[in-house]
Amino acid sequence: MSRDLLFFALYVLLHISLLEIKGVAALNVTKTDEQRLLDALMTGYSKDTRPVYNASHPVRVSVGITLTQIFDVDEKNQVLTTNVWLDQEWKDEKLVWDPNEYNGLEVMRIPCRKIWLPDIVLYNSASDHNEKYMEALAMVGSDGTVFWPPIVKFRSSCLMDMTYFPFDDQICKLKLGSWAYTGFQVDVLNRSNTIDMSRFVENGEWEIINTEAIRNNVYYTCCPEPFPDVTITLHLRRRTIYFMYNVIIPSIMLSSLALLGFWVNPDSGEKVTLGLTVLLALSVFMLLIAENTPATSFFIPLLGVYLITTMSFTSLSVICAVGVTNLHLRGHAYPVPNWMRKLLFLISNILCIRLHHLRNGLSVNSSPHWDRIPASSTFGNHSTSNGRIVHDLGEGTVIHHDEVHKEGAAPTDRLLREDNSDVNHALLETLKCLINKHEEGERERKIHDEWKEVALIIDRSLFVIFLLGMIVASVYILVVLPLRKLATV
């Protein structure tokens, strides 16, 4: 009886074993090759340790980027924002298999959270360090080669030199390396000497002139071991068309309006107003430039220098306009000095200005008096001839006072002569006063016209001086200095 029980127990165990073998075989048939490979690779795998069996061997990580877009260049905060594909490649010794055992499967896509990843960070990052990379799939080869290209938005600090703004070039660097591992544990290498620009989207404000990738070994004070990194350099150049049409050309037009102030007649009263209006408009452009440039004292933007120069010329033109207006309205009692006449006569010849009132010498006597009355003059029915007063009696008879006196006139005639003498004297005095007043008015008008011509010549001279000065300043600041900068880059 016991023997039967023993055989029965053996039969049950054998049957159960056969069922388990069939179940496992059926289970293996339902798994895919990738699933079987992933289960095999992840069995006993730890992502917290370096994937090398010999601890003295480093993990060599090749780093490179594929630049897709320059998102923003913040000059005020000195931050460069770029969208890149961060290409990382290394060899994981624990992720090796025979492709023949898995129907020729040579490349396996594995979620990056399941395998060891190098702690490559951007050293000069200006963003929150809590941000993580995109959890992209890692492409693993049968020989253990891992390629992981997550999409990353880098915000890197970049010291920007705005001296030649808006004709400036910026050199920005991206420093990539392992944060915790030394060069003896994780050796960072560059994939190429340049960066991949095949997927780059052109930026409307900046163009890329050159790129470069260099591997560096840096020793820090914390540790005697080296910390390798890959420094990627981007040479950016600003496109100037926007600033030419929106800032530079309007500034040149405003400065030309300031020059037109020298052609405005001082009698209109708008000579100074025009200069002040242009000065106010230029100050608005200065505020626009100040908003786009960093608040630093290390440099002054080239466009700011040009606007300050233009504002200086405009301010001087306002001062000169006040002086010319003063000269225009000055002359009523002060004649133009002879030295100024000679100088203005020379300037008028140079500028081809035809003079109408000014001459080389003094043309108006400064003190008209009684001796300007001629020796023989007439007024009404009375006349003087060599000091003798002659009266016209109205009937063709002329009586000379000295002849009547010689013949001995009657007392009545003597009284008549005395009365006529007083009247003649008053008339002569009145005549002299009228003549002097007329000549004084003519003299003042002549002096005033001369000062107006002086103001006109000075206005034209200042126009030529300011025109040449602004042309030279504009060409030097907006053309010569940018070309000199390009020659040194």
Protein backbone atom coordinates (compact mmCIF):
# COMPACT_ATOMS: atom_id res chain seq x y z
CA MET A 1 0.00 0.00 0.00
CA SER A 2 2.80 2.35 0.85
CA ARG A 3 4.45 1.51 -2.44
CA ASP A 4 1.32 2.60 -4.34
CA LEU A 5 1.23 5.88 -2.49
CA LEU A 6 4.85 6.50 -3.33
CA PHE A 7 4.26 5.88 -7.04
CA PHE A 8 1.21 8.14 -6.95
CA ALA A 9 3.18 10.97 -5.36
CA LEU A 10 5.93 10.65 -7.94
CA TYR A 11 3.35 10.73 -10.69
CA VAL A 12 1.80 13.93 -9.35
CA LEU A 13 5.17 15.64 -9.04
CA LEU A 14 6.13 14.62 -12.55
CA HIS A 15 2.87 15.92 -13.88
CA ILE A 16 3.26 19.22 -12.11
CA SER A 17 6.79 19.57 -13.45
CA LEU A 18 5.62 18.98 -16.97
CA LEU A 19 2.91 21.61 -16.55
CA GLU A 20 5.44 24.17 -15.27
CA ILE A 21 7.77 23.50 -18.17
CA LYS A 22 4.95 23.99 -20.63
CA GLY A 23 3.87 27.21 -18.88
CA VAL A 24 7.35 28.67 -19.03
CA ALA A 25 7.71 27.71 -22.65
CA ALA A 26 4.36 29.29 -23.43
CA LEU A 27 5.35 32.39 -21.48
CA ASN A 28 8.62 32.66 -23.38
CA VAL A 29 6.77 32.37 -26.62
CA THR A 30 4.51 35.40 -25.74
CA LYS A 31 7.48 37.75 -24.90
CA THR A 32 9.00 39.84 -27.66
CA ASP A 33 12.69 39.97 -28.39
CA GLU A 34 12.98 43.51 -27.05
CA GLN A 35 11.11 42.54 -23.90
CA ARG A 36 13.33 39.55 -23.31
CA LEU A 37 16.41 41.72 -23.97
CA LEU A 38 15.21 44.47 -21.66
CA ASP A 39 14.46 41.94 -18.91
CA ALA A 40 17.88 40.42 -19.37
CA LEU A 41 19.69 43.77 -19.33
CA MET A 42 17.79 45.17 -16.35
CA THR A 43 18.26 42.05 -14.24
CA GLY A 44 20.67 43.08 -11.50
CA TYR A 45 21.31 46.48 -13.20
CA SER A 46 21.89 49.53 -10.97
CA LYS A 47 21.62 53.02 -12.46
CA ASP A 48 23.24 54.63 -9.42
CA THR A 49 26.77 53.41 -10.14
CA ARG A 50 29.11 54.00 -13.04
CA PRO A 51 28.71 51.31 -15.76
CA VAL A 52 32.30 49.96 -15.58
CA TYR A 53 33.45 46.73 -13.96
CA ASN A 54 36.88 48.11 -13.14
CA ALA A 55 36.54 51.13 -10.88
CA SER A 56 39.88 52.55 -12.07
CA HIS A 57 38.59 52.93 -15.61
CA PRO A 58 36.79 56.18 -16.51
CA VAL A 59 33.58 56.47 -18.47
CA ARG A 60 34.36 58.47 -21.59
CA VAL A 61 31.43 60.71 -22.48
CA SER A 62 31.45 62.50 -25.84
CA VAL A 63 29.44 65.74 -25.70
CA GLY A 64 28.19 67.91 -28.55
CA ILE A 65 25.20 70.03 -29.42
CA THR A 66 22.94 70.51 -32.40
CA LEU A 67 21.83 74.14 -32.37
CA THR A 68 18.23 74.56 -33.50
CA GLN A 69 17.33 78.13 -32.53
CA ILE A 70 18.60 81.28 -30.84
CA PHE A 71 15.57 82.00 -28.74
CA ASP A 72 16.58 85.28 -27.15
CA VAL A 73 19.57 87.52 -26.50
CA ASP A 74 18.83 89.58 -23.41
CA GLU A 75 21.40 92.37 -23.44
CA LYS A 76 19.99 94.02 -20.33
CA ASN A 77 20.33 90.88 -18.16
CA GLN A 78 23.21 89.48 -20.26
CA VAL A 79 21.57 86.10 -20.84
CA LEU A 80 21.62 83.99 -24.01
CA THR A 81 18.72 81.57 -24.51
CA THR A 82 19.19 78.75 -27.04
CA ASN A 83 17.33 75.60 -28.03
CA VAL A 84 19.71 72.66 -28.60
CA TRP A 85 19.88 68.93 -28.90
CA LEU A 86 22.39 67.86 -26.27
CA ASP A 87 24.15 64.89 -27.88
CA GLN A 88 25.81 62.59 -25.32
CA GLU A 89 27.49 59.30 -26.09
CA TRP A 90 29.28 56.82 -23.81
CA LYS A 91 29.84 53.10 -23.38
CA ASP A 92 27.94 51.11 -20.76
CA GLU A 93 29.73 47.83 -20.07
CA LYS A 94 26.65 46.35 -18.42
CA LEU A 95 24.46 46.81 -21.48
CA VAL A 96 26.09 44.30 -23.82
CA TRP A 97 24.37 41.36 -25.60
CA ASP A 98 24.71 39.00 -28.52
CA PRO A 99 22.39 40.08 -31.35
CA ASN A 100 22.14 36.48 -32.59
CA GLU A 101 20.28 35.50 -29.44
CA TYR A 102 17.61 38.12 -30.16
CA ASN A 103 17.01 37.65 -33.87
CA GLY A 104 19.67 40.17 -34.93
CA LEU A 105 18.54 43.00 -32.60
CA GLU A 106 21.52 45.38 -32.53
CA VAL A 107 20.02 48.67 -31.24
CA MET A 108 17.64 48.90 -28.34
CA ARG A 109 15.65 52.00 -27.26
CA ILE A 110 15.56 52.09 -23.48
CA PRO A 111 13.89 54.75 -21.30
CA CYS A 112 16.62 56.99 -19.92
CA ARG A 113 15.28 56.74 -16.38
CA LYS A 114 16.21 53.02 -16.29
CA ILE A 115 19.94 53.39 -17.07
CA TRP A 116 22.90 55.34 -15.73
CA LEU A 117 23.19 58.89 -17.12
CA PRO A 118 26.17 61.23 -16.87
CA ASP A 119 25.57 64.37 -14.82
CA ILE A 120 26.45 66.77 -17.63
CA VAL A 121 25.38 70.31 -16.69
CA LEU A 122 25.80 73.82 -18.08
CA TYR A 123 28.33 75.48 -15.81
CA ASN A 124 27.39 79.06 -16.72
CA SER A 125 23.66 78.44 -16.51
CA ALA A 126 21.37 81.37 -15.66
CA SER A 127 18.22 79.27 -15.13
CA ASP A 128 16.78 77.31 -12.26
CA HIS A 129 18.98 74.27 -11.58
CA ASN A 130 15.94 72.22 -10.61
CA GLU A 131 15.06 71.94 -14.29
CA LYS A 132 15.70 68.48 -15.72
CA TYR A 133 16.50 67.29 -19.20
CA MET A 134 13.84 65.83 -21.45
CA GLU A 135 13.25 62.16 -20.64
CA ALA A 136 14.03 60.97 -24.15
CA LEU A 137 14.73 57.37 -25.05
CA ALA A 138 18.36 56.31 -25.06
CA MET A 139 19.63 54.38 -28.06
CA VAL A 140 21.76 51.47 -26.82
CA GLY A 141 23.91 49.38 -29.15
CA SER A 142 24.78 45.72 -28.70
CA ASP A 143 28.38 46.66 -27.86
CA GLY A 144 27.19 48.86 -24.96
CA THR A 145 27.35 52.21 -26.81
CA VAL A 146 24.67 54.58 -25.48
CA PHE A 147 23.53 57.67 -27.39
CA TRP A 148 21.18 60.07 -25.61
CA PRO A 149 20.11 63.36 -27.35
CA PRO A 150 17.59 65.23 -25.15
CA ILE A 151 16.12 68.55 -26.27
CA VAL A 152 17.26 71.32 -23.93
CA LYS A 153 16.64 75.05 -23.61
CA PHE A 154 19.84 76.58 -22.27
CA ARG A 155 19.86 79.97 -20.54
CA SER A 156 23.54 80.82 -20.28
CA SER A 157 25.14 83.92 -18.85
CA CYS A 158 27.12 85.87 -21.41
CA LEU A 159 29.17 89.01 -20.83
CA MET A 160 28.03 91.27 -23.69
CA ASP A 161 30.08 94.18 -24.93
CA MET A 162 27.71 96.87 -26.21
CA THR A 163 30.41 99.35 -27.21
CA TYR A 164 29.61 99.11 -30.93
CA PHE A 165 25.83 98.74 -30.57
CA PRO A 166 24.05 98.29 -32.99
CA PHE A 167 27.10 97.16 -35.00
CA ASP A 168 28.24 94.82 -32.25
CA ASP A 169 29.50 91.24 -32.20
CA GLN A 170 28.94 89.03 -29.16
CA ILE A 171 31.05 86.06 -28.09
CA CYS A 172 28.99 83.71 -25.93
CA LYS A 173 30.18 80.43 -24.44
CA LEU A 174 28.42 77.28 -23.27
CA LYS A 175 30.54 75.35 -20.76
CA LEU A 176 29.41 71.72 -20.43
CA GLY A 177 30.87 69.16 -18.06
CA SER A 178 30.26 66.68 -15.26
CA TRP A 179 29.35 68.38 -12.01
CA ALA A 180 30.36 65.72 -9.48
CA TYR A 181 32.71 63.27 -11.24
CA THR A 182 36.36 64.04 -11.78
CA GLY A 183 38.23 63.43 -14.99
CA PHE A 184 39.45 60.10 -13.63
CA GLN A 185 35.85 58.88 -13.27
CA VAL A 186 34.01 60.57 -16.14
CA ASP A 187 36.17 61.88 -18.93
CA VAL A 188 34.30 64.47 -21.00
CA LEU A 189 35.27 64.69 -24.69
CA ASN A 190 33.97 66.82 -27.56
CA ARG A 191 32.28 65.03 -30.43
CA SER A 192 33.62 67.52 -33.01
CA ASN A 193 35.42 70.85 -33.21
CA THR A 194 32.25 72.65 -34.33
CA ILE A 195 28.56 72.34 -33.63
CA ASP A 196 25.89 70.92 -35.90
CA MET A 197 23.96 73.71 -37.69
CA SER A 198 21.94 71.52 -40.05
CA ARG A 199 18.70 72.08 -38.08
CA PHE A 200 19.27 75.74 -37.28
CA VAL A 201 16.40 78.22 -37.77
CA GLU A 202 17.65 81.68 -38.79
CA ASN A 203 17.19 84.47 -36.28
CA GLY A 204 15.87 87.86 -37.42
CA GLU A 205 18.16 89.88 -35.15
CA TRP A 206 21.34 87.79 -34.94
CA GLU A 207 23.42 85.79 -37.35
CA ILE A 208 26.04 83.17 -36.43
CA ILE A 209 29.47 83.97 -37.82
CA ASN A 210 31.46 81.08 -36.36
CA THR A 211 31.23 78.20 -33.87
CA GLU A 212 33.92 76.31 -32.01
CA ALA A 213 34.10 73.47 -29.47
CA ILE A 214 37.20 73.02 -27.28
CA ARG A 215 37.91 70.53 -24.53
CA ASN A 216 39.53 71.96 -21.37
CA ASN A 217 41.00 70.45 -18.23
CA VAL A 218 40.31 72.67 -15.23
CA TYR A 219 41.70 72.27 -11.72
CA TYR A 220 39.62 73.66 -8.88
CA THR A 221 40.70 74.44 -5.33
CA CYS A 222 38.43 71.76 -3.91
CA CYS A 223 40.08 68.80 -5.55
CA PRO A 224 43.49 67.85 -6.95
CA GLU A 225 41.91 65.90 -9.82
CA PRO A 226 41.10 67.58 -13.12
CA PHE A 227 37.55 68.42 -14.15
CA PRO A 228 37.30 68.27 -17.95
CA ASP A 229 34.68 70.28 -19.80
CA VAL A 230 33.68 71.10 -23.36
CA THR A 231 33.41 74.84 -24.02
CA ILE A 232 31.29 75.73 -27.05
CA THR A 233 31.82 79.25 -28.42
CA LEU A 234 29.20 81.08 -30.47
CA HIS A 235 30.22 84.17 -32.44
CA LEU A 236 27.05 86.24 -32.96
CA ARG A 237 26.67 89.40 -35.05
CA ARG A 238 23.70 91.73 -34.84
CA ARG A 239 21.68 92.44 -37.98
CA THR A 240 21.55 96.25 -38.31
CA ILE A 241 18.71 96.76 -40.81
CA TYR A 242 16.09 97.18 -38.08
CA PHE A 243 18.12 99.80 -36.24
CA MET A 244 19.05 101.56 -39.48
CA TYR A 245 15.40 102.13 -40.39
CA ASN A 246 14.05 102.76 -36.90
CA VAL A 247 16.83 104.60 -35.07
CA ILE A 248 19.78 105.73 -37.19
CA ILE A 249 17.95 107.18 -40.21
CA PRO A 250 15.40 109.07 -38.03
CA SER A 251 18.30 110.43 -35.96
CA ILE A 252 20.04 111.67 -39.11
CA MET A 253 16.80 113.28 -40.28
CA LEU A 254 16.35 115.01 -36.94
CA SER A 255 19.90 116.31 -37.00
CA SER A 256 19.28 117.69 -40.51
CA LEU A 257 16.22 119.50 -39.14
CA ALA A 258 18.46 121.11 -36.56
CA LEU A 259 20.60 122.44 -39.43
CA LEU A 260 17.54 124.00 -41.03
CA GLY A 261 17.31 126.28 -38.03
CA PHE A 262 20.13 128.35 -39.51
CA TRP A 263 17.89 129.17 -42.49
CA VAL A 264 14.93 130.36 -40.41
CA ASN A 265 14.48 134.13 -40.31
CA PRO A 266 14.91 135.44 -36.73
CA ASP A 267 11.88 137.69 -37.23
CA SER A 268 9.64 134.60 -37.38
CA GLY A 269 10.35 133.71 -33.74
CA GLU A 270 10.66 129.97 -34.53
CA LYS A 271 14.43 129.77 -34.77
CA VAL A 272 15.01 128.63 -31.18
CA THR A 273 11.76 126.63 -31.01
CA LEU A 274 12.85 124.37 -33.87
CA GLY A 275 16.13 123.50 -32.16
CA LEU A 276 14.41 122.75 -28.85
CA THR A 277 11.87 120.49 -30.58
CA VAL A 278 14.64 118.50 -32.27
CA LEU A 279 16.47 118.24 -28.96
CA LEU A 280 13.35 116.82 -27.30
CA ALA A 281 12.89 114.23 -30.06
CA LEU A 282 16.53 113.10 -29.72
CA SER A 283 16.08 112.67 -25.99
CA VAL A 284 13.21 110.24 -26.72
CA PHE A 285 15.58 108.16 -28.88
CA MET A 286 18.08 108.18 -26.01
CA LEU A 287 15.44 106.67 -23.74
CA LEU A 288 14.76 103.90 -26.29
CA ILE A 289 18.44 103.03 -26.43
CA ALA A 290 18.71 103.05 -22.64
CA GLU A 291 15.90 100.48 -22.37
CA ASN A 292 17.73 97.97 -24.61
CA THR A 293 21.20 98.29 -23.15
CA PRO A 294 22.43 97.00 -19.78
CA ALA A 295 22.81 99.51 -16.97
CA THR A 296 26.58 99.43 -16.74
CA SER A 297 29.39 101.95 -16.67
CA PHE A 298 31.95 99.77 -18.46
CA PHE A 299 31.03 101.01 -21.93
CA ILE A 300 28.83 103.48 -23.82
CA PRO A 301 26.96 102.16 -26.89
CA LEU A 302 28.09 103.53 -30.23
CA LEU A 303 24.55 104.60 -31.07
CA GLY A 304 24.37 106.41 -27.74
CA VAL A 305 27.60 108.23 -28.59
CA TYR A 306 26.11 109.26 -31.93
CA LEU A 307 22.91 110.52 -30.31
CA ILE A 308 24.89 112.43 -27.68
CA THR A 309 27.01 113.98 -30.43
CA THR A 310 23.89 114.95 -32.38
CA MET A 311 22.30 116.40 -29.26
CA SER A 312 25.48 118.38 -28.60
CA PHE A 313 25.36 119.84 -32.11
CA THR A 314 21.67 120.62 -31.63
CA SER A 315 22.30 122.31 -28.28
CA LEU A 316 25.08 124.40 -29.79
CA SER A 317 22.80 125.32 -32.67
CA VAL A 318 20.20 126.59 -30.18
CA ILE A 319 22.86 128.67 -28.43
CA CYS A 320 24.03 130.05 -31.76
CA ALA A 321 20.42 130.78 -32.73
CA VAL A 322 20.01 132.88 -29.61
CA GLY A 323 23.21 134.80 -30.41
CA VAL A 324 22.25 135.36 -34.06
CA THR A 325 18.78 136.57 -33.03
CA ASN A 326 20.43 139.00 -30.64
CA LEU A 327 22.63 140.35 -33.44
CA HIS A 328 19.64 140.54 -35.76
CA LEU A 329 17.69 142.72 -33.33
CA ARG A 330 20.60 144.63 -31.84
CA GLY A 331 21.60 147.43 -34.22
CA HIS A 332 19.93 150.77 -33.58
CA ALA A 333 22.62 152.76 -31.82
CA TYR A 334 25.82 150.76 -32.29
CA PRO A 335 27.32 150.68 -35.77
CA VAL A 336 29.12 147.59 -37.06
CA PRO A 337 32.84 147.79 -36.16
CA ASN A 338 35.29 148.09 -39.02
CA TRP A 339 37.16 144.90 -38.06
CA MET A 340 33.89 142.95 -38.20
CA ARG A 341 33.10 144.50 -41.58
CA LYS A 342 36.40 143.33 -42.99
CA LEU A 343 36.00 139.82 -41.55
CA LEU A 344 32.42 139.45 -42.80
CA PHE A 345 33.40 140.82 -46.18
CA LEU A 346 36.03 138.05 -46.43
CA ILE A 347 33.56 135.37 -45.30
CA SER A 348 30.94 136.58 -47.76
CA ASN A 349 33.46 136.24 -50.58
CA ILE A 350 34.26 132.67 -49.51
CA LEU A 351 30.58 131.69 -49.22
CA CYS A 352 29.63 133.62 -52.37
CA ILE A 353 27.14 135.83 -50.51
CA ARG A 354 26.34 139.17 -52.16
CA LEU A 355 26.38 142.10 -49.72
CA HIS A 356 23.79 144.87 -50.00
CA HIS A 357 24.43 147.00 -46.92
CA LEU A 358 27.87 146.19 -45.56
CA ARG A 359 30.98 147.67 -47.15
CA ASN A 360 34.66 147.52 -46.40
CA GLY A 361 34.59 150.90 -44.65
CA LEU A 362 32.19 152.80 -42.40
CA SER A 363 29.35 154.02 -44.58
CA VAL A 364 27.31 156.03 -42.06
CA ASN A 365 28.54 159.04 -40.07
CA SER A 366 28.00 158.45 -36.41
CA SER A 367 27.30 162.11 -35.39
CA PRO A 368 25.17 164.29 -37.71
CA HIS A 369 24.89 167.94 -36.51
CA TRP A 370 23.91 171.41 -37.66
CA ASP A 371 26.76 171.78 -40.09
CA ARG A 372 25.00 169.25 -42.31
CA ILE A 373 22.55 172.03 -43.37
CA PRO A 374 23.77 173.52 -46.67
CA ALA A 375 25.02 177.11 -46.86
CA SER A 376 22.11 178.08 -49.11
CA SER A 377 18.68 176.71 -48.40
CA THR A 378 15.06 177.75 -48.85
CA PHE A 379 11.97 177.12 -46.84
CA GLY A 380 8.60 178.66 -47.77
CA ASN A 381 9.01 182.39 -48.72
CA HIS A 382 12.34 182.79 -46.87
CA SER A 383 15.86 181.99 -47.98
CA THR A 384 19.43 182.31 -46.80
CA SER A 385 22.32 183.28 -48.98
CA ASN A 386 25.78 183.43 -47.39
CA GLY A 387 24.21 184.24 -44.04
CA ARG A 388 21.87 186.95 -45.29
CA ILE A 389 18.12 186.47 -44.87
CA VAL A 390 16.02 187.33 -47.90
CA HIS A 391 12.22 187.85 -47.83
CA ASP A 392 9.88 187.43 -50.74
CA LEU A 393 7.16 190.08 -50.49
CA GLY A 394 4.90 188.25 -52.91
CA GLU A 395 4.84 190.96 -55.66
CA GLY A 396 8.13 190.27 -57.34
CA THR A 397 10.00 192.58 -54.92
CA VAL A 398 12.83 191.14 -52.89
CA ILE A 399 14.17 193.09 -49.92
CA HIS A 400 17.56 192.38 -48.44
CA HIS A 401 17.76 193.17 -44.76
CA ASP A 402 21.29 194.49 -44.89
CA GLU A 403 20.39 196.96 -47.71
CA VAL A 404 17.36 198.30 -45.80
CA HIS A 405 19.53 198.84 -42.78
CA LYS A 406 22.04 200.84 -44.81
CA GLU A 407 19.35 203.21 -46.25
CA GLY A 408 17.90 203.99 -42.84
CA ALA A 409 14.41 202.56 -42.67
CA ALA A 410 11.58 204.00 -40.62
CA PRO A 411 10.90 202.72 -37.06
CA THR A 412 7.84 200.80 -38.26
CA ASP A 413 9.88 199.01 -40.88
CA ARG A 414 12.52 198.26 -38.25
CA LEU A 415 9.94 196.63 -36.01
CA LEU A 416 8.68 194.63 -38.97
CA ARG A 417 12.17 193.48 -39.71
CA GLU A 418 12.69 192.42 -36.08
CA ASP A 419 9.46 190.38 -36.09
CA ASN A 420 10.38 188.72 -39.39
CA SER A 421 13.84 187.90 -38.03
CA ASP A 422 12.35 185.99 -35.08
CA VAL A 423 10.03 184.04 -37.38
CA ASN A 424 12.85 183.18 -39.73
CA HIS A 425 15.01 181.99 -36.87
CA ALA A 426 12.22 179.70 -35.60
CA LEU A 427 11.64 178.36 -39.07
CA LEU A 428 15.30 177.61 -39.51
CA GLU A 429 15.45 175.82 -36.19
CA THR A 430 12.44 173.71 -37.12
CA LEU A 431 13.97 172.90 -40.48
CA LYS A 432 17.21 171.82 -38.91
CA CYS A 433 15.37 169.60 -36.38
CA LEU A 434 13.34 167.89 -39.12
CA ILE A 435 16.41 167.30 -41.26
CA ASN A 436 18.40 165.86 -38.35
CA LYS A 437 15.50 163.63 -37.28
CA HIS A 438 15.15 162.31 -40.81
CA GLU A 439 18.88 161.67 -41.09
CA GLU A 440 18.93 160.01 -37.67
CA GLY A 441 16.13 157.68 -38.75
CA GLU A 442 17.96 156.88 -41.95
CA ARG A 443 21.12 156.22 -39.96
CA GLU A 444 19.33 153.85 -37.55
CA ARG A 445 17.65 152.03 -40.40
CA LYS A 446 20.98 151.66 -42.16
CA ILE A 447 22.67 150.31 -39.03
CA HIS A 448 19.78 147.93 -38.42
CA ASP A 449 19.99 146.61 -41.99
CA GLU A 450 23.72 146.14 -41.58
CA TRP A 451 23.25 144.09 -38.39
CA LYS A 452 20.63 142.01 -40.17
CA GLU A 453 23.17 141.28 -42.88
CA VAL A 454 25.75 140.46 -40.21
CA ALA A 455 23.31 137.95 -38.68
CA LEU A 456 22.63 136.48 -42.13
CA ILE A 457 26.32 135.94 -42.87
CA ILE A 458 26.93 134.40 -39.43
CA ASP A 459 23.92 132.11 -39.94
CA ARG A 460 25.23 130.86 -43.26
CA SER A 461 28.74 130.40 -41.85
CA LEU A 462 27.42 128.39 -38.88
CA PHE A 463 25.30 126.29 -41.24
CA VAL A 464 28.39 125.31 -43.24
CA ILE A 465 30.41 124.62 -40.08
CA PHE A 466 27.69 122.50 -38.46
CA LEU A 467 26.97 120.67 -41.72
CA LEU A 468 30.61 119.68 -42.14
CA GLY A 469 30.89 118.79 -38.44
CA MET A 470 27.82 116.54 -38.46
CA ILE A 471 28.88 114.82 -41.69
CA VAL A 472 32.33 114.10 -40.31
CA ALA A 473 30.94 112.92 -36.96
CA SER A 474 28.30 110.71 -38.59
CA VAL A 475 30.75 109.09 -41.01
CA TYR A 476 33.33 108.51 -38.28
CA ILE A 477 30.90 107.08 -35.72
CA LEU A 478 28.59 105.11 -38.02
CA VAL A 479 31.05 103.97 -40.70
CA VAL A 480 34.71 104.22 -39.68
CA LEU A 481 34.41 102.78 -36.17
CA PRO A 482 32.28 99.74 -37.23
CA LEU A 483 34.67 99.00 -40.09
CA ARG A 484 37.61 99.26 -37.71
CA LYS A 485 35.85 96.84 -35.38
CA LEU A 486 35.27 94.37 -38.22
CA ALA A 487 38.95 94.57 -39.13
CA THR A 488 39.97 93.59 -35.60
CA VAL A 489 37.49 90.72 -35.20
